[in-house]
């Protein structure tokens, strides 16, 4: 009887020599079960013991279809809101001596955010109205100004990728600050002049994790096209207009105790960001024209944390909840996620070779990090826990201090900014987290220009 080859999802093929009493054999293993040689060895041994077969060979891992980020673009609105404006701003409606408001003002002085980008200038009458905007008004603002902001970011990404709108095969979009139908992705596609048969995907409910959620979804689409022998040029974009929801957030603040006071009114800002993801069939020299190669990615939801990070509709708009436990949950999840991705660092890379020569595995301190700047506690916590230098998080700190947290586009802005801040390390780890709590992580390599 001929040897039987069995593929263990997704990267190993085990070939077995069947005995006479064994006619068939099937073996599937989850990705993380074969991340290490010992796990593969245990799979083989268990198969030998239970099914009566002898392993003949272990074929080398199958290479995954290559994926490249060929262009990025980000866009902030032209106006900013500085911390010293918060007290006179909220004094229009609330007494600053209210305990929860007083606590919020104290937090405002410790965030280290120097300015936040906003859709409207501080002097705009919109901010002085006695009546808060309605949900329908917020919807109109997003579907006009938010769409325009997104189109600007997308045009930058397309120029960077040297592509025309007609070249795009798919879009993957994400927002949590609009729930209109048809989705804002269609409005953006129409303004960009994308083909009507462009494959569109719109993500919702992923909040601050959304930029990398879109990257993960785009990667799956691109690899699907690779297996079908088709080129994929996927335009991804994220947009959040958070500032106009401040009245809903402030109303939530005054209804809580100082110990539970919400901090979203001092963190969030407005932005849009975009990138183009291509497979290896997307054109000649696509790898050489790229900014990053997307090596692998992971996602997970932290059990029993759904109430720690939320963004839900309220009478006065969308309101955000971030509990004090968010930083510790995020920090606890990043290490295991990194370890899950590490086995997929290509063995031929200089980092993998140098680490092996030193008798160790690659570590977080070997990477540059594009970390979603959800707050200063998270940035400082990651830096300290993984023994990073501040310059390894330089883009995250820069975006946070100068623009605040813009939810889903923020990590993409960080990736865009990082490439402009010096040569840096070859390997980059991007990480974001959002409601769920959901953690997204993507391992990338810089594409160096020769």
Protein backbone atom coordinates (compact mmCIF):
# COMPACT_ATOMS: atom_id res chain seq x y z
CA UNK A 1 0.00 0.00 0.00
CA UNK A 2 1.34 3.44 -0.95
CA UNK A 3 2.31 5.98 1.73
CA UNK A 4 -0.44 8.35 2.88
CA UNK A 5 0.26 12.09 3.12
CA UNK A 6 -1.74 13.99 5.69
CA UNK A 7 -1.82 17.77 5.96
CA UNK A 8 -1.99 19.16 9.49
CA UNK A 9 -3.53 22.60 9.29
CA UNK A 10 -1.94 24.78 8.13
CA UNK A 11 1.78 24.20 7.78
CA UNK A 12 2.89 20.58 8.11
CA UNK A 13 2.42 17.51 5.93
CA UNK A 14 2.97 14.15 7.63
CA UNK A 15 3.48 11.10 5.41
CA UNK A 16 2.67 7.70 6.92
CA UNK A 17 3.39 4.12 5.85
CA UNK A 18 0.14 2.22 6.58
CA UNK A 19 0.24 -1.28 8.01
CA UNK A 20 -1.84 -3.99 6.43
CA UNK A 21 -4.62 -3.56 8.98
CA UNK A 22 -4.90 0.20 8.41
CA UNK A 23 -6.75 1.24 5.26
CA UNK A 24 -7.40 4.94 5.88
CA UNK A 25 -6.12 7.74 8.07
CA UNK A 26 -7.15 11.37 8.68
CA UNK A 27 -5.50 13.93 10.91
CA UNK A 28 -6.27 17.60 11.42
CA UNK A 29 -4.68 19.78 14.04
CA UNK A 30 -5.37 23.39 15.08
CA UNK A 31 -2.71 25.91 14.17
CA UNK A 32 -1.42 26.47 17.68
CA UNK A 33 -1.22 22.72 18.40
CA UNK A 34 1.72 22.38 16.02
CA UNK A 35 3.48 25.62 16.77
CA UNK A 36 6.44 23.80 18.30
CA UNK A 37 8.45 20.69 17.43
CA UNK A 38 7.36 18.92 20.62
CA UNK A 39 3.71 19.34 19.65
CA UNK A 40 4.35 17.86 16.20
CA UNK A 41 6.25 15.01 17.84
CA UNK A 42 3.32 14.30 20.17
CA UNK A 43 0.90 14.26 17.23
CA UNK A 44 3.07 11.69 15.47
CA UNK A 45 3.45 9.54 18.58
CA UNK A 46 -0.28 9.62 19.33
CA UNK A 47 -1.02 8.60 15.75
CA UNK A 48 1.46 5.73 15.95
CA UNK A 49 -0.04 4.50 19.21
CA UNK A 50 -3.70 4.83 18.31
CA UNK A 51 -3.85 4.10 14.60
CA UNK A 52 -0.99 1.70 14.02
CA UNK A 53 0.96 3.64 11.41
CA UNK A 54 4.62 4.47 11.10
CA UNK A 55 5.72 7.96 10.13
CA UNK A 56 7.93 7.96 7.04
CA UNK A 57 8.66 11.65 6.41
CA UNK A 58 7.70 15.14 7.51
CA UNK A 59 7.50 17.38 4.46
CA UNK A 60 8.73 20.97 4.83
CA UNK A 61 6.10 23.62 5.63
CA UNK A 62 4.11 24.89 2.69
CA UNK A 63 4.78 28.59 2.06
CA UNK A 64 1.74 30.80 2.51
CA UNK A 65 0.79 33.14 -0.34
CA UNK A 66 2.79 36.34 0.12
CA UNK A 67 0.90 39.49 1.15
CA UNK A 68 2.15 43.07 0.93
CA UNK A 69 1.02 46.47 2.16
CA UNK A 70 1.82 48.62 -0.85
CA UNK A 71 0.47 51.97 0.31
CA UNK A 72 -0.80 53.81 3.39
CA UNK A 73 -2.53 57.11 4.00
CA UNK A 74 -3.98 58.89 7.01
CA UNK A 75 -5.98 62.05 7.45
CA UNK A 76 -6.85 64.14 10.49
CA UNK A 77 -9.31 67.05 10.39
CA UNK A 78 -7.66 70.48 10.55
CA UNK A 79 -8.83 71.51 14.03
CA UNK A 80 -7.49 70.62 17.47
CA UNK A 81 -8.77 70.61 21.02
CA UNK A 82 -6.22 71.22 23.78
CA UNK A 83 -6.56 70.02 27.40
CA UNK A 84 -6.79 73.55 28.86
CA UNK A 85 -10.04 74.11 26.96
CA UNK A 86 -11.94 71.28 28.61
CA UNK A 87 -13.06 73.04 31.80
CA UNK A 88 -14.53 76.15 30.10
CA UNK A 89 -16.05 73.85 27.48
CA UNK A 90 -17.96 71.58 29.86
CA UNK A 91 -18.83 74.51 32.17
CA UNK A 92 -21.40 75.50 29.57
CA UNK A 93 -23.60 72.65 30.80
CA UNK A 94 -22.17 71.27 34.04
CA UNK A 95 -20.86 72.62 37.34
CA UNK A 96 -17.11 71.78 37.53
CA UNK A 97 -17.54 71.11 41.25
CA UNK A 98 -19.68 68.02 40.56
CA UNK A 99 -17.50 65.20 41.97
CA UNK A 100 -17.40 63.13 38.78
CA UNK A 101 -16.68 66.21 36.64
CA UNK A 102 -13.96 67.26 39.06
CA UNK A 103 -12.42 63.80 38.74
CA UNK A 104 -12.57 64.02 34.95
CA UNK A 105 -10.74 67.35 35.00
CA UNK A 106 -8.02 65.81 37.17
CA UNK A 107 -7.60 62.92 34.72
CA UNK A 108 -7.45 65.45 31.90
CA UNK A 109 -4.23 66.84 33.37
CA UNK A 110 -2.52 63.43 33.47
CA UNK A 111 -3.22 61.88 30.05
CA UNK A 112 -0.11 63.49 28.44
CA UNK A 113 -2.22 64.24 25.35
CA UNK A 114 -1.18 67.65 24.07
CA UNK A 115 -3.97 68.05 21.51
CA UNK A 116 -6.81 66.07 19.94
CA UNK A 117 -7.96 66.35 16.34
CA UNK A 118 -11.58 67.41 15.90
CA UNK A 119 -13.92 67.85 12.98
CA UNK A 120 -15.11 71.28 14.07
CA UNK A 121 -13.15 74.21 15.55
CA UNK A 122 -13.55 75.01 19.23
CA UNK A 123 -15.31 78.28 18.33
CA UNK A 124 -17.99 76.57 16.20
CA UNK A 125 -21.56 77.24 17.50
CA UNK A 126 -22.13 73.49 17.32
CA UNK A 127 -20.26 73.12 20.62
CA UNK A 128 -22.27 75.80 22.43
CA UNK A 129 -25.79 74.58 21.78
CA UNK A 130 -28.00 74.06 24.82
CA UNK A 131 -29.57 70.99 23.20
CA UNK A 132 -27.37 68.04 22.31
CA UNK A 133 -27.36 66.83 18.69
CA UNK A 134 -29.75 64.03 17.80
CA UNK A 135 -28.71 60.63 16.51
CA UNK A 136 -29.96 61.55 13.03
CA UNK A 137 -27.86 64.74 13.05
CA UNK A 138 -24.77 62.79 14.09
CA UNK A 139 -25.47 60.36 11.27
CA UNK A 140 -25.61 63.19 8.72
CA UNK A 141 -22.34 64.65 10.01
CA UNK A 142 -20.53 61.35 9.65
CA UNK A 143 -21.94 60.49 6.24
CA UNK A 144 -20.77 63.83 4.88
CA UNK A 145 -17.68 64.97 6.79
CA UNK A 146 -16.55 61.48 7.82
CA UNK A 147 -16.85 60.17 4.28
CA UNK A 148 -14.90 63.16 2.93
CA UNK A 149 -12.13 62.57 5.50
CA UNK A 150 -11.98 58.90 4.51
CA UNK A 151 -11.78 59.70 0.81
CA UNK A 152 -8.75 61.92 1.49
CA UNK A 153 -7.00 59.10 3.36
CA UNK A 154 -7.83 56.59 0.61
CA UNK A 155 -6.47 58.85 -2.11
CA UNK A 156 -3.18 59.11 -0.21
CA UNK A 157 -2.98 55.30 0.08
CA UNK A 158 -3.75 54.82 -3.62
CA UNK A 159 -1.08 57.34 -4.62
CA UNK A 160 1.41 55.67 -2.32
CA UNK A 161 0.60 52.28 -3.88
CA UNK A 162 0.72 53.78 -7.40
CA UNK A 163 -2.73 52.40 -8.16
CA UNK A 164 -5.83 53.80 -9.82
CA UNK A 165 -9.34 53.33 -8.41
CA UNK A 166 -10.06 50.95 -11.29
CA UNK A 167 -7.25 48.66 -10.06
CA UNK A 168 -9.00 47.88 -6.76
CA UNK A 169 -10.61 44.44 -6.50
CA UNK A 170 -11.96 44.62 -2.93
CA UNK A 171 -12.64 47.05 -0.12
CA UNK A 172 -12.68 46.30 3.60
CA UNK A 173 -14.00 49.15 5.74
CA UNK A 174 -14.58 49.65 9.44
CA UNK A 175 -16.29 52.16 11.72
CA UNK A 176 -18.08 52.15 15.04
CA UNK A 177 -19.36 55.74 14.95
CA UNK A 178 -21.90 55.22 12.18
CA UNK A 179 -24.49 52.51 11.65
CA UNK A 180 -26.21 53.81 8.49
CA UNK A 181 -27.33 51.62 5.61
CA UNK A 182 -26.07 51.43 2.97
CA UNK A 183 -22.76 51.49 4.80
CA UNK A 184 -20.36 54.38 4.54
CA UNK A 185 -18.05 52.12 2.52
CA UNK A 186 -20.39 52.45 -0.44
CA UNK A 187 -20.38 56.24 -0.14
CA UNK A 188 -16.58 56.23 -0.10
CA UNK A 189 -16.42 53.84 -3.05
CA UNK A 190 -18.74 56.07 -5.08
CA UNK A 191 -16.68 59.20 -4.34
CA UNK A 192 -13.46 57.40 -5.28
CA UNK A 193 -14.97 56.09 -8.51
CA UNK A 194 -14.44 52.41 -7.71
CA UNK A 195 -15.95 49.85 -10.03
CA UNK A 196 -19.53 48.75 -9.17
CA UNK A 197 -18.35 45.14 -9.08
CA UNK A 198 -15.74 45.83 -6.39
CA UNK A 199 -16.08 43.21 -3.63
CA UNK A 200 -17.07 45.17 -0.48
CA UNK A 201 -16.88 44.15 3.20
CA UNK A 202 -17.91 46.42 6.08
CA UNK A 203 -16.96 45.62 9.68
CA UNK A 204 -18.81 46.98 12.70
CA UNK A 205 -18.67 46.38 16.45
CA UNK A 206 -14.89 46.02 16.69
CA UNK A 207 -14.11 49.54 17.92
CA UNK A 208 -10.46 50.36 18.56
CA UNK A 209 -9.39 46.93 17.31
CA UNK A 210 -10.92 47.71 13.92
CA UNK A 211 -7.86 48.79 11.93
CA UNK A 212 -6.20 45.40 12.36
CA UNK A 213 -9.55 43.57 12.16
CA UNK A 214 -9.79 45.03 8.65
CA UNK A 215 -6.23 43.91 7.92
CA UNK A 216 -7.02 40.37 9.04
CA UNK A 217 -10.17 40.24 6.92
CA UNK A 218 -8.31 41.64 3.91
CA UNK A 219 -5.53 39.07 4.35
CA UNK A 220 -8.05 36.22 4.24
CA UNK A 221 -9.61 37.66 1.08
CA UNK A 222 -6.22 38.14 -0.57
CA UNK A 223 -5.09 34.59 0.20
CA UNK A 224 -8.37 33.26 -1.13
CA UNK A 225 -7.69 35.07 -4.40
CA UNK A 226 -4.15 33.65 -4.45
CA UNK A 227 -5.53 30.12 -4.23
CA UNK A 228 -7.89 30.92 -7.09
CA UNK A 229 -5.05 32.32 -9.19
CA UNK A 230 -6.41 35.87 -9.17
CA UNK A 231 -4.74 39.19 -8.33
CA UNK A 232 -6.02 40.97 -5.20
CA UNK A 233 -5.60 44.70 -4.62
CA UNK A 234 -7.62 45.49 -1.52
CA UNK A 235 -8.32 49.03 -0.35
CA UNK A 236 -8.93 49.07 3.40
CA UNK A 237 -10.11 52.11 5.32
CA UNK A 238 -11.27 53.11 8.80
CA UNK A 239 -12.95 56.28 9.99
CA UNK A 240 -14.23 57.48 13.35
CA UNK A 241 -15.83 60.80 14.23
CA UNK A 242 -15.74 60.65 18.03
CA UNK A 243 -15.73 64.33 19.00
CA UNK A 244 -19.39 64.99 18.20
CA UNK A 245 -20.42 62.38 20.76
CA UNK A 246 -18.94 64.36 23.66
CA UNK A 247 -22.35 65.38 25.02
CA UNK A 248 -23.38 61.74 25.40
CA UNK A 249 -20.07 60.99 27.11
CA UNK A 250 -20.38 63.94 29.50
CA UNK A 251 -23.92 62.99 30.41
CA UNK A 252 -22.61 59.56 31.27
CA UNK A 253 -19.87 61.09 33.40
CA UNK A 254 -22.24 63.12 35.60
CA UNK A 255 -24.46 60.09 36.17
CA UNK A 256 -21.62 58.03 37.70
CA UNK A 257 -19.63 58.19 40.91
CA UNK A 258 -16.12 59.70 40.87
CA UNK A 259 -14.66 56.23 41.36
CA UNK A 260 -16.37 55.01 38.18
CA UNK A 261 -16.05 58.26 36.22
CA UNK A 262 -15.73 57.74 32.47
CA UNK A 263 -12.57 59.08 30.84
CA UNK A 264 -13.59 58.98 27.17
CA UNK A 265 -14.21 62.79 27.01
CA UNK A 266 -10.45 63.34 27.51
CA UNK A 267 -9.14 60.63 25.16
CA UNK A 268 -10.95 60.43 21.85
CA UNK A 269 -10.47 62.33 18.60
CA UNK A 270 -11.39 62.13 14.89
CA UNK A 271 -9.42 60.52 12.06
CA UNK A 272 -9.46 58.35 8.96
CA UNK A 273 -6.77 56.00 7.68
CA UNK A 274 -6.31 53.67 4.74
CA UNK A 275 -3.95 51.06 3.33
CA UNK A 276 -3.71 48.86 0.24
CA UNK A 277 -3.06 45.13 0.69
CA UNK A 278 -1.97 43.09 -2.34
CA UNK A 279 -1.22 39.44 -2.97
CA UNK A 280 1.79 38.28 -4.98
CA UNK A 281 -0.31 38.15 -8.17
CA UNK A 282 -1.17 41.87 -8.03
CA UNK A 283 1.50 42.93 -10.51
CA UNK A 284 5.16 42.76 -11.40
CA UNK A 285 7.59 43.65 -8.62
CA UNK A 286 4.75 44.13 -6.13
CA UNK A 287 7.12 43.09 -3.32
CA UNK A 288 9.69 45.71 -4.29
CA UNK A 289 7.05 48.45 -4.32
CA UNK A 290 5.74 47.60 -0.86
CA UNK A 291 6.08 49.24 2.53
CA UNK A 292 5.51 46.16 4.68
CA UNK A 293 5.15 42.44 4.11
CA UNK A 294 2.34 40.97 6.19
CA UNK A 295 3.81 37.77 7.65
CA UNK A 296 1.02 36.45 9.88
CA UNK A 297 -1.77 37.53 12.20
CA UNK A 298 -3.82 36.39 15.19
CA UNK A 299 -6.97 37.43 17.03
CA UNK A 300 -8.55 36.43 20.32
CA UNK A 301 -11.34 37.48 22.64
CA UNK A 302 -10.51 37.69 26.34
CA UNK A 303 -13.18 35.75 28.29
CA UNK A 304 -15.45 37.63 30.70
CA UNK A 305 -14.33 41.11 29.66
CA UNK A 306 -17.23 42.22 27.45
CA UNK A 307 -18.30 44.92 29.90
CA UNK A 308 -14.84 46.42 30.31
CA UNK A 309 -14.74 48.15 26.92
CA UNK A 310 -17.96 49.18 25.20
CA UNK A 311 -19.31 51.66 22.68
CA UNK A 312 -23.10 51.79 22.55
CA UNK A 313 -25.89 54.06 21.33
CA UNK A 314 -27.47 56.48 23.82
CA UNK A 315 -30.10 59.22 23.62
CA UNK A 316 -27.49 61.90 22.90
CA UNK A 317 -25.25 59.79 20.65
CA UNK A 318 -22.67 57.06 21.04
CA UNK A 319 -21.08 56.66 24.46
CA UNK A 320 -17.91 54.82 25.37
CA UNK A 321 -17.03 52.80 28.46
CA UNK A 322 -13.42 52.05 29.41
CA UNK A 323 -12.96 50.61 32.88
CA UNK A 324 -9.80 50.77 34.97
CA UNK A 325 -9.21 47.10 34.19
CA UNK A 326 -8.70 47.65 30.43
CA UNK A 327 -4.91 48.24 30.63
CA UNK A 328 -4.27 45.16 32.77
CA UNK A 329 -6.41 42.93 30.50
CA UNK A 330 -4.59 44.26 27.43
CA UNK A 331 -1.16 43.74 28.98
CA UNK A 332 -2.03 40.20 30.05
CA UNK A 333 -3.13 39.27 26.51
CA UNK A 334 -0.24 40.73 24.50
CA UNK A 335 2.43 38.27 25.66
CA UNK A 336 0.53 35.06 24.82
CA UNK A 337 -0.54 36.54 21.47
CA UNK A 338 3.08 37.35 20.64
CA UNK A 339 4.09 33.77 21.50
CA UNK A 340 1.40 32.40 19.20
CA UNK A 341 2.76 34.41 16.29
CA UNK A 342 6.46 33.90 16.95
CA UNK A 343 6.76 30.38 15.37
CA UNK A 344 5.74 31.91 12.05
CA UNK A 345 8.66 34.31 11.91
CA UNK A 346 10.47 33.09 8.77
CA UNK A 347 13.56 31.10 9.73
CA UNK A 348 15.61 32.77 6.97
CA UNK A 349 15.24 36.29 8.41
CA UNK A 350 18.32 37.86 10.03
CA UNK A 351 16.40 38.16 13.31
CA UNK A 352 15.52 34.46 13.40
CA UNK A 353 19.06 33.44 12.47
CA UNK A 354 20.73 35.72 15.02
CA UNK A 355 18.36 34.62 17.79
CA UNK A 356 18.99 30.95 16.96
CA UNK A 357 22.75 31.53 16.93
CA UNK A 358 22.44 33.03 20.40
CA UNK A 359 20.46 30.02 21.58
CA UNK A 360 17.22 31.90 22.13
CA UNK A 361 13.94 32.75 20.47
CA UNK A 362 13.10 36.19 19.16
CA UNK A 363 11.64 38.44 21.86
CA UNK A 364 9.33 41.47 21.91
CA UNK A 365 12.37 43.73 22.33
CA UNK A 366 13.63 42.58 18.90
CA UNK A 367 10.67 44.27 17.16
CA UNK A 368 9.47 47.77 16.51
CA UNK A 369 5.91 48.08 17.80
CA UNK A 370 2.88 49.74 16.22
CA UNK A 371 0.73 49.62 19.35
CA UNK A 372 -2.73 51.12 19.46
CA UNK A 373 -2.34 54.06 21.88
CA UNK A 374 -5.43 53.39 23.95
CA UNK A 375 -4.02 55.34 26.87
CA UNK A 376 -0.75 56.24 28.52
CA UNK A 377 -1.09 53.35 31.00
CA UNK A 378 -1.11 50.86 28.13
CA UNK A 379 1.86 52.44 26.35
CA UNK A 380 3.94 52.66 29.51
CA UNK A 381 2.84 49.21 30.62
CA UNK A 382 3.90 47.50 27.38
CA UNK A 383 7.21 49.36 27.37
CA UNK A 384 8.01 48.23 30.91
CA UNK A 385 6.65 44.68 30.79
CA UNK A 386 8.49 43.72 27.60
CA UNK A 387 11.62 45.77 28.34
CA UNK A 388 11.24 47.93 25.25
CA UNK A 389 13.00 51.19 24.59
CA UNK A 390 10.75 54.20 24.14
CA UNK A 391 11.94 54.53 20.54
CA UNK A 392 10.46 51.09 19.76
CA UNK A 393 7.05 52.64 20.50
CA UNK A 394 7.95 56.04 19.08
CA UNK A 395 5.14 56.20 16.54
CA UNK A 396 2.52 55.15 19.09
CA UNK A 397 3.67 57.81 21.56
CA UNK A 398 3.81 60.44 18.83
CA UNK A 399 0.28 59.79 17.58
CA UNK A 400 -1.12 59.59 21.10
CA UNK A 401 0.45 62.85 22.33
CA UNK A 402 -0.41 64.89 19.23
CA UNK A 403 -3.81 63.50 18.29
CA UNK A 404 -5.20 61.30 21.06
CA UNK A 405 -7.07 58.04 20.49
CA UNK A 406 -9.15 57.99 17.30
CA UNK A 407 -10.37 54.40 17.77
CA UNK A 408 -10.15 52.10 14.72
CA UNK A 409 -7.94 54.24 12.40
CA UNK A 410 -5.34 54.92 15.10
CA UNK A 411 -3.17 51.82 14.74
CA UNK A 412 -3.10 52.37 10.96
CA UNK A 413 -1.98 55.97 11.51
CA UNK A 414 0.76 54.59 13.77
CA UNK A 415 1.93 52.21 10.99
CA UNK A 416 1.89 55.08 8.52
CA UNK A 417 3.87 57.30 10.89
CA UNK A 418 6.36 54.58 11.87
CA UNK A 419 7.78 54.22 8.37
CA UNK A 420 8.60 57.94 8.37
CA UNK A 421 10.54 57.84 11.65
CA UNK A 422 13.86 56.33 10.65
CA UNK A 423 15.05 52.95 9.40
CA UNK A 424 14.11 51.09 12.56
CA UNK A 425 14.05 47.32 12.99
CA UNK A 426 13.22 44.95 10.16
CA UNK A 427 10.36 43.30 12.05
CA UNK A 428 7.28 45.19 13.21
CA UNK A 429 4.53 43.93 15.50
CA UNK A 430 1.20 45.76 15.27
CA UNK A 431 -1.36 45.33 18.03
CA UNK A 432 -4.79 46.76 18.79
CA UNK A 433 -7.62 45.91 21.15
CA UNK A 434 -11.29 46.75 21.27
CA UNK A 435 -14.69 45.77 22.63
CA UNK A 436 -15.04 42.15 23.58
CA UNK A 437 -12.30 42.57 24.75
CA UNK A 438 -10.80 41.58 21.43
CA UNK A 439 -7.07 41.67 20.71
CA UNK A 440 -5.63 41.80 17.19
CA UNK A 441 -1.95 41.33 16.35
CA UNK A 442 -0.14 41.35 13.01
CA UNK A 443 3.51 40.48 12.40
CA UNK A 444 5.14 42.40 9.55
CA UNK A 445 8.51 42.92 7.96
CA UNK A 446 9.70 46.20 6.47
CA UNK A 447 10.38 46.04 2.76
CA UNK A 448 13.76 47.71 2.39
CA UNK A 449 14.36 49.67 -0.79
CA UNK A 450 17.53 48.59 -2.55
